[in-house]
Protein backbone atom coordinates (compact mmCIF):
# COMPACT_ATOMS: atom_id res chain seq x y z
CA MET A 1 20.10 -57.68 14.82
CA THR A 2 19.32 -54.80 12.49
CA ILE A 3 22.07 -52.87 10.70
CA TYR A 4 19.99 -49.68 10.72
CA LYS A 5 19.32 -47.01 13.29
CA PRO A 6 16.09 -47.47 15.23
CA TYR A 7 13.07 -46.22 13.31
CA ASP A 8 9.57 -46.28 14.82
CA PRO A 9 7.20 -43.51 13.62
CA ASP A 10 4.63 -44.60 16.21
CA GLN A 11 6.99 -44.28 19.16
CA PRO A 12 5.44 -41.78 21.61
CA TYR A 13 7.55 -39.08 23.28
CA LEU A 14 8.79 -40.25 26.66
CA LEU A 15 9.28 -36.66 27.73
CA PRO A 16 7.55 -33.51 26.47
CA PRO A 17 9.43 -32.03 23.48
CA ILE A 18 11.25 -28.69 23.82
CA LEU A 19 10.18 -26.76 20.68
CA GLN A 20 13.18 -24.44 20.67
CA GLU A 21 15.47 -27.45 20.17
CA TRP A 22 13.84 -28.18 16.82
CA LEU A 23 15.62 -25.16 15.25
CA PRO A 24 19.18 -23.82 15.31
CA GLU A 25 19.63 -20.99 17.81
CA SER A 26 20.40 -18.57 14.96
CA HIS A 27 17.19 -19.40 13.00
CA LEU A 28 15.04 -16.47 11.86
CA ALA A 29 11.99 -17.80 13.74
CA ASN A 30 13.86 -17.64 17.06
CA PHE A 31 15.05 -14.15 16.33
CA ILE A 32 11.52 -12.97 15.49
CA HIS A 33 10.12 -14.60 18.66
CA GLU A 34 12.70 -12.74 20.80
CA MET A 35 12.19 -9.47 18.91
CA VAL A 36 8.40 -9.52 19.26
CA GLY A 37 8.88 -10.07 23.00
CA GLU A 38 10.60 -6.67 23.12
CA LEU A 39 7.84 -4.82 21.28
CA ASP A 40 5.08 -2.82 22.94
CA LEU A 41 1.81 -4.59 22.03
CA GLY A 42 -0.21 -2.50 24.45
CA ALA A 43 -2.50 -1.04 21.78
CA ILE A 44 -3.54 -4.58 20.65
CA HIS A 45 -3.95 -5.87 24.25
CA LYS A 46 -6.13 -2.83 24.99
CA LYS A 47 -8.60 -3.84 22.30
CA TYR A 48 -9.06 -7.25 23.86
CA SER A 49 -9.41 -5.83 27.37
CA LYS A 50 -12.30 -3.60 26.25
CA ARG A 51 -14.32 -6.53 24.85
CA LYS A 52 -17.07 -7.85 27.08
CA ARG A 53 -16.83 -11.62 27.58
CA ASP A 54 -19.70 -13.74 28.93
CA GLY A 55 -17.69 -16.93 29.30
CA ARG A 56 -18.93 -18.44 26.08
CA GLY A 57 -16.72 -19.31 23.11
CA GLN A 58 -13.01 -19.89 22.92
CA LYS A 59 -10.42 -17.51 24.32
CA PRO A 60 -8.41 -15.50 21.69
CA PHE A 61 -4.87 -16.43 20.74
CA ASP A 62 -2.10 -14.46 22.44
CA PRO A 63 -1.32 -11.38 20.32
CA GLU A 64 2.40 -11.98 20.80
CA MET A 65 2.08 -15.31 19.04
CA MET A 66 -0.13 -13.85 16.29
CA VAL A 67 2.23 -10.95 15.60
CA GLY A 68 5.27 -13.28 15.50
CA LEU A 69 3.45 -15.61 13.14
CA LEU A 70 2.56 -12.80 10.74
CA PHE A 71 6.07 -11.26 10.89
CA TYR A 72 7.70 -14.58 10.08
CA ALA A 73 5.20 -15.30 7.29
CA TYR A 74 5.88 -11.92 5.69
CA CYS A 75 9.66 -12.37 5.97
CA THR A 76 9.46 -15.75 4.21
CA GLY A 77 7.03 -14.64 1.45
CA LYS A 78 3.87 -16.30 2.75
CA PRO A 79 1.20 -13.57 3.16
CA SER A 80 -1.80 -15.81 2.48
CA SER A 81 -3.73 -16.70 5.66
CA ARG A 82 -4.60 -20.15 4.27
CA ARG A 83 -0.94 -20.89 3.54
CA ILE A 84 -0.01 -19.69 7.05
CA GLU A 85 -2.62 -22.00 8.62
CA LYS A 86 -1.30 -24.93 6.56
CA ALA A 87 2.31 -24.13 7.55
CA SER A 88 1.36 -24.18 11.26
CA TYR A 89 0.80 -27.94 10.80
CA GLU A 90 3.53 -28.76 8.25
CA GLU A 91 6.55 -26.48 8.80
CA ILE A 92 8.74 -26.59 11.91
CA PRO A 93 9.48 -22.86 12.25
CA TYR A 94 5.74 -22.10 12.26
CA ARG A 95 5.07 -24.85 14.87
CA VAL A 96 7.84 -23.41 17.05
CA LEU A 97 6.43 -19.87 16.78
CA THR A 98 2.89 -20.95 17.55
CA ALA A 99 3.92 -23.42 20.30
CA ASN A 100 2.03 -26.06 18.29
CA GLN A 101 -1.19 -24.06 18.20
CA HIS A 102 -3.01 -23.78 14.86
CA PRO A 103 -5.05 -20.60 14.29
CA ASP A 104 -7.28 -21.08 11.27
CA HIS A 105 -7.13 -18.80 8.25
CA ASP A 106 -10.23 -16.84 9.26
CA THR A 107 -8.71 -16.07 12.66
CA ILE A 108 -5.43 -14.99 11.06
CA ALA A 109 -7.17 -12.76 8.47
CA ALA A 110 -9.43 -11.19 11.09
CA PHE A 111 -6.52 -10.43 13.41
CA ARG A 112 -4.63 -8.78 10.60
CA GLN A 113 -7.61 -6.76 9.40
CA GLU A 114 -8.58 -5.59 12.90
CA ASN A 115 -5.03 -4.49 13.77
CA LEU A 116 -3.73 -2.97 10.51
CA GLN A 117 -2.90 0.37 12.13
CA GLU A 118 -1.25 -1.27 15.15
CA LEU A 119 0.81 -3.61 12.94
CA ALA A 120 1.99 -0.64 10.89
CA GLU A 121 3.11 1.18 14.01
CA LEU A 122 5.06 -1.90 15.10
CA PHE A 123 7.23 -1.36 12.01
CA SER A 124 8.57 1.82 13.54
CA GLN A 125 9.28 -0.04 16.80
CA VAL A 126 11.28 -2.64 14.90
CA LEU A 127 13.27 0.03 13.13
CA ARG A 128 14.07 1.69 16.47
CA LEU A 129 15.39 -1.64 17.76
CA CYS A 130 17.50 -2.00 14.58
CA GLN A 131 18.83 1.51 15.15
CA ALA A 132 19.63 0.75 18.82
CA VAL A 133 21.74 -2.30 17.96
CA GLY A 134 23.57 -0.57 15.14
CA LEU A 135 21.82 -2.17 12.12
CA VAL A 136 20.55 1.19 10.92
CA LYS A 137 22.86 4.22 10.65
CA LEU A 138 20.88 6.65 8.43
CA GLY A 139 24.14 7.82 6.97
CA HIS A 140 23.02 7.10 3.41
CA VAL A 141 19.71 5.77 2.21
CA ALA A 142 18.52 4.83 -1.24
CA LEU A 143 15.00 5.11 -2.66
CA ASP A 144 13.40 3.05 -5.37
CA GLY A 145 10.03 1.73 -6.49
CA THR A 146 8.59 -1.31 -8.26
CA LYS A 147 5.27 -2.09 -9.90
CA VAL A 148 3.13 -4.71 -8.15
CA LYS A 149 0.36 -6.22 -10.26
CA ALA A 150 -3.18 -5.74 -8.92
CA ASN A 151 -5.63 -8.62 -8.81
CA ALA A 152 -7.65 -7.00 -11.63
CA SER A 153 -7.59 -6.88 -15.41
CA LYS A 154 -6.56 -3.66 -17.16
CA HIS A 155 -9.47 -4.28 -19.52
CA LYS A 156 -11.83 -3.47 -16.62
CA ALA A 157 -10.46 0.12 -16.44
CA MET A 158 -11.97 3.19 -18.11
CA SER A 159 -10.80 6.77 -18.43
CA TYR A 160 -12.86 9.74 -17.23
CA GLY A 161 -13.27 10.97 -20.81
CA ARG A 162 -14.48 7.58 -21.97
CA MET A 163 -16.82 7.37 -18.95
CA SER A 164 -18.51 10.61 -20.02
CA GLU A 165 -19.02 9.29 -23.54
CA ALA A 166 -20.28 5.93 -22.30
CA GLU A 167 -22.59 7.60 -19.81
CA GLN A 168 -24.28 9.67 -22.53
CA GLN A 169 -24.55 6.60 -24.84
CA LEU A 170 -25.97 4.40 -22.07
CA GLU A 171 -28.47 7.07 -21.00
CA GLN A 172 -29.78 7.20 -24.55
CA GLU A 173 -29.94 3.39 -24.85
CA VAL A 174 -31.68 3.03 -21.50
CA ALA A 175 -34.27 5.63 -22.47
CA GLU A 176 -34.97 3.88 -25.78
CA LEU A 177 -35.22 0.45 -24.06
CA LEU A 178 -37.57 1.84 -21.43
CA LYS A 179 -39.78 3.20 -24.12
CA LYS A 180 -39.79 -0.11 -25.98
CA ALA A 181 -40.40 -1.99 -22.75
CA GLU A 182 -43.35 0.16 -21.88
CA GLU A 183 -44.89 -0.31 -25.29
CA ALA A 184 -44.28 -4.07 -25.16
CA GLU A 185 -45.70 -4.31 -21.64
CA ASP A 186 -48.89 -2.54 -22.56
CA ARG A 187 -49.30 -4.53 -25.75
CA HIS A 188 -48.51 -8.04 -24.52
CA TYR A 189 -48.77 -8.11 -20.69
CA GLY A 190 -51.25 -5.44 -19.77
CA LYS A 191 -51.10 -2.71 -17.19
CA GLY A 192 -49.48 -3.13 -13.77
CA LYS A 193 -46.99 -5.84 -14.74
CA SER A 194 -43.95 -6.14 -12.46
CA GLU A 195 -40.43 -5.03 -13.33
CA GLU A 196 -39.45 -8.68 -13.80
CA SER A 197 -41.04 -8.55 -17.20
CA LEU A 198 -38.65 -5.84 -18.38
CA PRO A 199 -35.91 -6.92 -20.82
CA LYS A 200 -32.73 -8.22 -19.20
CA GLU A 201 -30.80 -6.05 -21.61
CA LEU A 202 -32.32 -3.01 -19.94
CA THR A 203 -31.23 -4.16 -16.46
CA ARG A 204 -27.63 -4.80 -17.66
CA ARG A 205 -27.39 -1.34 -19.19
CA GLN A 206 -28.82 0.31 -16.05
CA GLN A 207 -26.31 -1.49 -13.84
CA ARG A 208 -23.46 -0.53 -16.17
CA LEU A 209 -24.62 3.06 -16.19
CA GLU A 210 -24.77 3.14 -12.37
CA LYS A 211 -21.21 1.71 -12.09
CA ILE A 212 -19.91 4.37 -14.52
CA ARG A 213 -21.66 7.16 -12.60
CA GLN A 214 -20.19 5.91 -9.31
CA ALA A 215 -16.71 5.74 -10.86
CA LYS A 216 -17.06 9.26 -12.24
CA VAL A 217 -18.07 10.62 -8.85
CA ALA A 218 -15.07 8.86 -7.23
CA LEU A 219 -12.65 10.39 -9.79
CA GLU A 220 -14.23 13.84 -9.29
CA GLN A 221 -13.78 13.56 -5.51
CA GLU A 222 -10.18 12.47 -5.96
CA ALA A 223 -9.49 15.43 -8.26
CA LYS A 224 -11.02 17.83 -5.69
CA GLU A 225 -8.99 16.35 -2.85
CA GLN A 226 -5.78 16.63 -4.88
CA ALA A 227 -6.65 20.21 -5.70
CA ARG A 228 -7.24 20.97 -2.00
CA GLN A 229 -3.79 19.54 -1.15
CA ALA A 230 -2.20 21.53 -3.98
CA ALA A 231 -3.94 24.70 -2.77
CA ALA A 232 -2.68 24.15 0.79
CA GLU A 233 0.89 23.67 -0.49
CA ALA A 234 0.62 26.74 -2.73
CA GLU A 235 -0.66 28.89 0.16
CA ALA A 236 2.17 27.66 2.34
CA LYS A 237 4.73 28.59 -0.34
CA ILE A 238 3.12 32.05 -0.73
CA ALA A 239 3.34 32.54 3.04
CA ARG A 240 7.00 31.56 3.02
CA ARG A 241 7.75 33.92 0.13
CA ARG A 242 6.07 36.79 1.96
CA ARG A 243 7.97 36.15 5.18
CA GLN A 244 11.20 35.98 3.21
CA ALA A 245 10.39 39.30 1.52
CA GLU A 246 9.64 40.91 4.88
CA GLU A 247 12.88 39.63 6.43
CA THR A 248 15.16 40.54 3.46
CA GLY A 249 13.35 43.58 2.18
CA GLN A 250 13.52 42.08 -1.34
CA LYS A 251 10.79 40.66 -3.48
CA ALA A 252 10.99 36.85 -3.80
CA LYS A 253 12.23 35.69 -7.22
CA GLY A 254 10.01 33.74 -9.62
CA ARG A 255 6.30 33.64 -10.10
CA GLU A 256 4.00 33.41 -7.12
CA PRO A 257 2.32 29.98 -6.93
CA GLN A 258 -1.24 29.76 -8.23
CA VAL A 259 -3.84 28.51 -5.76
CA PRO A 260 -6.28 26.17 -7.56
CA ASP A 261 -9.99 26.32 -6.87
CA ALA A 262 -10.87 22.81 -5.72
CA GLU A 263 -14.60 23.25 -6.38
CA GLN A 264 -14.00 24.06 -10.04
CA VAL A 265 -11.53 21.27 -10.73
CA VAL A 266 -12.55 18.35 -12.93
CA PRO A 267 -10.52 15.17 -13.54
CA GLU A 268 -8.30 14.99 -16.58
CA ALA A 269 -9.77 13.10 -19.51
CA LYS A 270 -7.06 10.41 -19.11
CA ALA A 271 -7.72 9.85 -15.39
CA GLN A 272 -8.85 6.24 -15.13
CA ARG A 273 -10.49 3.91 -12.66
CA ASN A 274 -10.75 0.17 -12.55
CA PHE A 275 -14.22 -1.31 -11.82
CA THR A 276 -12.75 -4.48 -10.19
CA ASP A 277 -10.01 -2.75 -8.10
CA PRO A 278 -10.71 0.99 -8.03
CA GLU A 279 -7.53 1.87 -6.08
CA SER A 280 -5.18 0.39 -8.69
CA ARG A 281 -4.03 2.16 -11.89
CA ILE A 282 -2.69 1.21 -15.32
CA MET A 283 1.06 1.58 -15.07
CA LYS A 284 4.10 0.85 -17.22
CA ASP A 285 6.36 -1.84 -15.88
CA GLY A 286 9.96 -0.65 -16.25
CA ALA A 287 11.25 -4.24 -16.57
CA SER A 288 8.84 -5.72 -19.10
CA LYS A 289 7.93 -2.33 -20.74
CA SER A 290 4.30 -3.51 -20.76
CA PHE A 291 1.31 -1.77 -19.25
CA GLU A 292 -0.37 -3.52 -16.31
CA GLN A 293 -3.10 -2.85 -13.75
CA ALA A 294 -0.87 -2.30 -10.78
CA TYR A 295 0.34 -0.37 -7.72
CA ASN A 296 3.58 1.49 -7.22
CA ALA A 297 5.42 0.07 -4.20
CA GLN A 298 8.10 2.35 -2.67
CA ALA A 299 10.96 1.51 -0.29
CA VAL A 300 13.74 3.48 1.36
CA VAL A 301 16.75 1.27 2.33
CA ASP A 302 19.54 2.10 4.74
CA ALA A 303 22.91 1.46 3.13
CA HIS A 304 24.59 0.09 6.23
CA ARG A 305 22.84 -3.31 6.41
CA GLN A 306 20.19 -2.97 3.73
CA VAL A 307 17.37 -2.55 6.28
CA ILE A 308 14.12 -1.05 4.83
CA VAL A 309 13.42 2.07 6.88
CA ALA A 310 10.25 3.24 5.03
CA ALA A 311 7.73 1.58 2.77
CA GLU A 312 4.56 2.73 1.07
CA VAL A 313 2.19 1.71 -1.71
CA THR A 314 0.79 4.42 -3.98
CA ASP A 315 -1.46 4.63 -7.03
CA GLN A 316 0.77 7.21 -8.71
CA PRO A 317 2.08 5.61 -11.95
CA ASN A 318 5.52 7.30 -11.71
CA ASP A 319 7.95 8.13 -8.92
CA ILE A 320 8.37 11.87 -9.43
CA GLN A 321 6.13 12.80 -6.51
CA GLN A 322 7.55 10.25 -4.06
CA LEU A 323 11.01 11.70 -3.13
CA VAL A 324 9.77 14.14 -0.44
CA PRO A 325 7.10 11.99 1.25
CA MET A 326 9.22 8.85 1.33
CA LEU A 327 12.28 10.59 2.88
CA GLU A 328 9.97 12.33 5.36
CA LYS A 329 8.48 8.96 6.30
CA ALA A 330 11.95 7.47 6.86
CA ALA A 331 12.79 10.35 9.17
CA ALA A 332 9.47 10.01 11.05
CA ASN A 333 9.95 6.25 11.49
CA LEU A 334 13.35 6.67 13.12
CA GLY A 335 13.11 10.06 14.70
CA SER A 336 16.10 11.44 12.79
CA THR A 337 16.91 12.59 9.26
CA PRO A 338 19.20 10.65 6.85
CA GLU A 339 22.43 12.45 5.98
CA LYS A 340 22.39 11.46 2.31
CA ALA A 341 19.88 9.98 -0.12
CA SER A 342 20.18 8.50 -3.60
CA ALA A 343 17.45 8.05 -6.23
CA ASP A 344 17.26 7.48 -9.97
CA THR A 345 16.04 9.95 -12.60
CA GLY A 346 12.41 8.94 -12.08
CA TYR A 347 12.42 10.88 -8.81
CA PHE A 348 13.96 14.08 -10.18
CA SER A 349 12.08 17.35 -10.33
CA GLU A 350 13.30 20.84 -9.49
CA ALA A 351 10.50 21.26 -6.98
CA ALA A 352 11.44 18.05 -5.13
CA VAL A 353 15.24 18.56 -4.91
CA THR A 354 14.82 22.15 -3.76
CA ASP A 355 12.03 21.43 -1.27
CA GLU A 356 12.63 23.03 2.12
CA ARG A 357 11.68 19.82 3.90
CA LEU A 358 14.81 18.10 2.45
CA LYS A 359 17.25 20.93 3.07
CA ASP A 360 19.20 18.92 5.69
CA ILE A 361 19.74 15.93 3.36
CA ASP A 362 22.47 15.71 0.70
CA LEU A 363 20.52 14.54 -2.34
CA TYR A 364 22.12 12.49 -5.12
CA VAL A 365 19.37 12.34 -7.81
CA ALA A 366 20.01 11.66 -11.46
CA THR A 367 18.68 14.55 -13.57
CA ARG A 368 18.47 12.63 -16.85
CA ARG A 369 19.13 9.29 -18.42
CA GLN A 370 22.57 8.99 -19.94
CA LYS A 371 22.63 8.04 -23.58
CA GLN A 372 25.03 5.38 -24.81
CA GLY A 373 28.34 6.96 -25.73
CA ASP A 374 27.77 10.13 -23.60
CA MET A 375 30.51 11.11 -21.22
CA PRO A 376 29.42 10.79 -17.58
CA ARG A 377 28.76 14.01 -15.72
CA ASN A 378 28.26 14.89 -12.09
CA ASN A 379 24.52 14.78 -11.37
CA ARG A 380 24.80 15.48 -7.67
CA MET A 381 21.97 17.65 -6.41
CA THR A 382 22.02 19.19 -2.90
């Protein structure tokens, strides 16, 4: 007679297991499963219904399962498709969510890539549910940002000014190498020899030159697009000033905004682009005070239950241009405007805190950093 509880790893189930009993009722996986069941996945289902099937191959996984799997993985800090696949075998919450199915990492990655827009729109649906059950009040929101390192080295970045210098230098070097190659080809190999006989050094310089030219064109296009946006905003401000002058009979105060000519704009010499990850930028990390190749991740959080009501990733190195678009995004996600908003001094600019689009929000934005020993002052901006 044994003194231990029965232990037999090879004992088969006598009855089919009930997966929901593997987790406490209050577990996050159960909550996400129930929440996803309330979401409208019609846009994703519509994609599958349009695909022609000839009976060959496996059927796709249910989008409800895939969405729940991704949501839970993101909530628990597991965005890698390979790690999600592994967890579907090894971790109970994932096995419960997938009903013991195991989509491979290629399937998970493909589903995510094909439905990026639909998954982003589900974020708004989740927020509306949070609002309906009282988790989001929009009485007071706070805005902040953090630097997220890109998967690229900052040493692979180059400024527009440096690109122009390097382009001229490489053009000269390529021309000299071409001349030497032609002379060597005629002297040693004879006429009509293939390009393979050209020096490898020449090929490397030509490839480098092409990359630099492509990066320059991309920076020039970005500068023009930014100028077009700035021109549209300036024209809108001019129109508002003129309407105000007509209504009041008084000339609007201040200088009239200048409308930039997008076709004449060139990038600033310091504008830079990374050859490995062109969308990232060199940014200063506020915590470590070091410069890293990174992105600037933004979040607006509702004060009631700390629910994120808006999120975005930008390549702008500072936060000064993010106050208006992030608060607008929070309002768009929930269909109503926050009553109050707080942000640190990195978001302050006179243009932002006086923007007409934020006129219905009480803004609490620090106007400057307080030096040690200074008496505190009221920095409330409305």
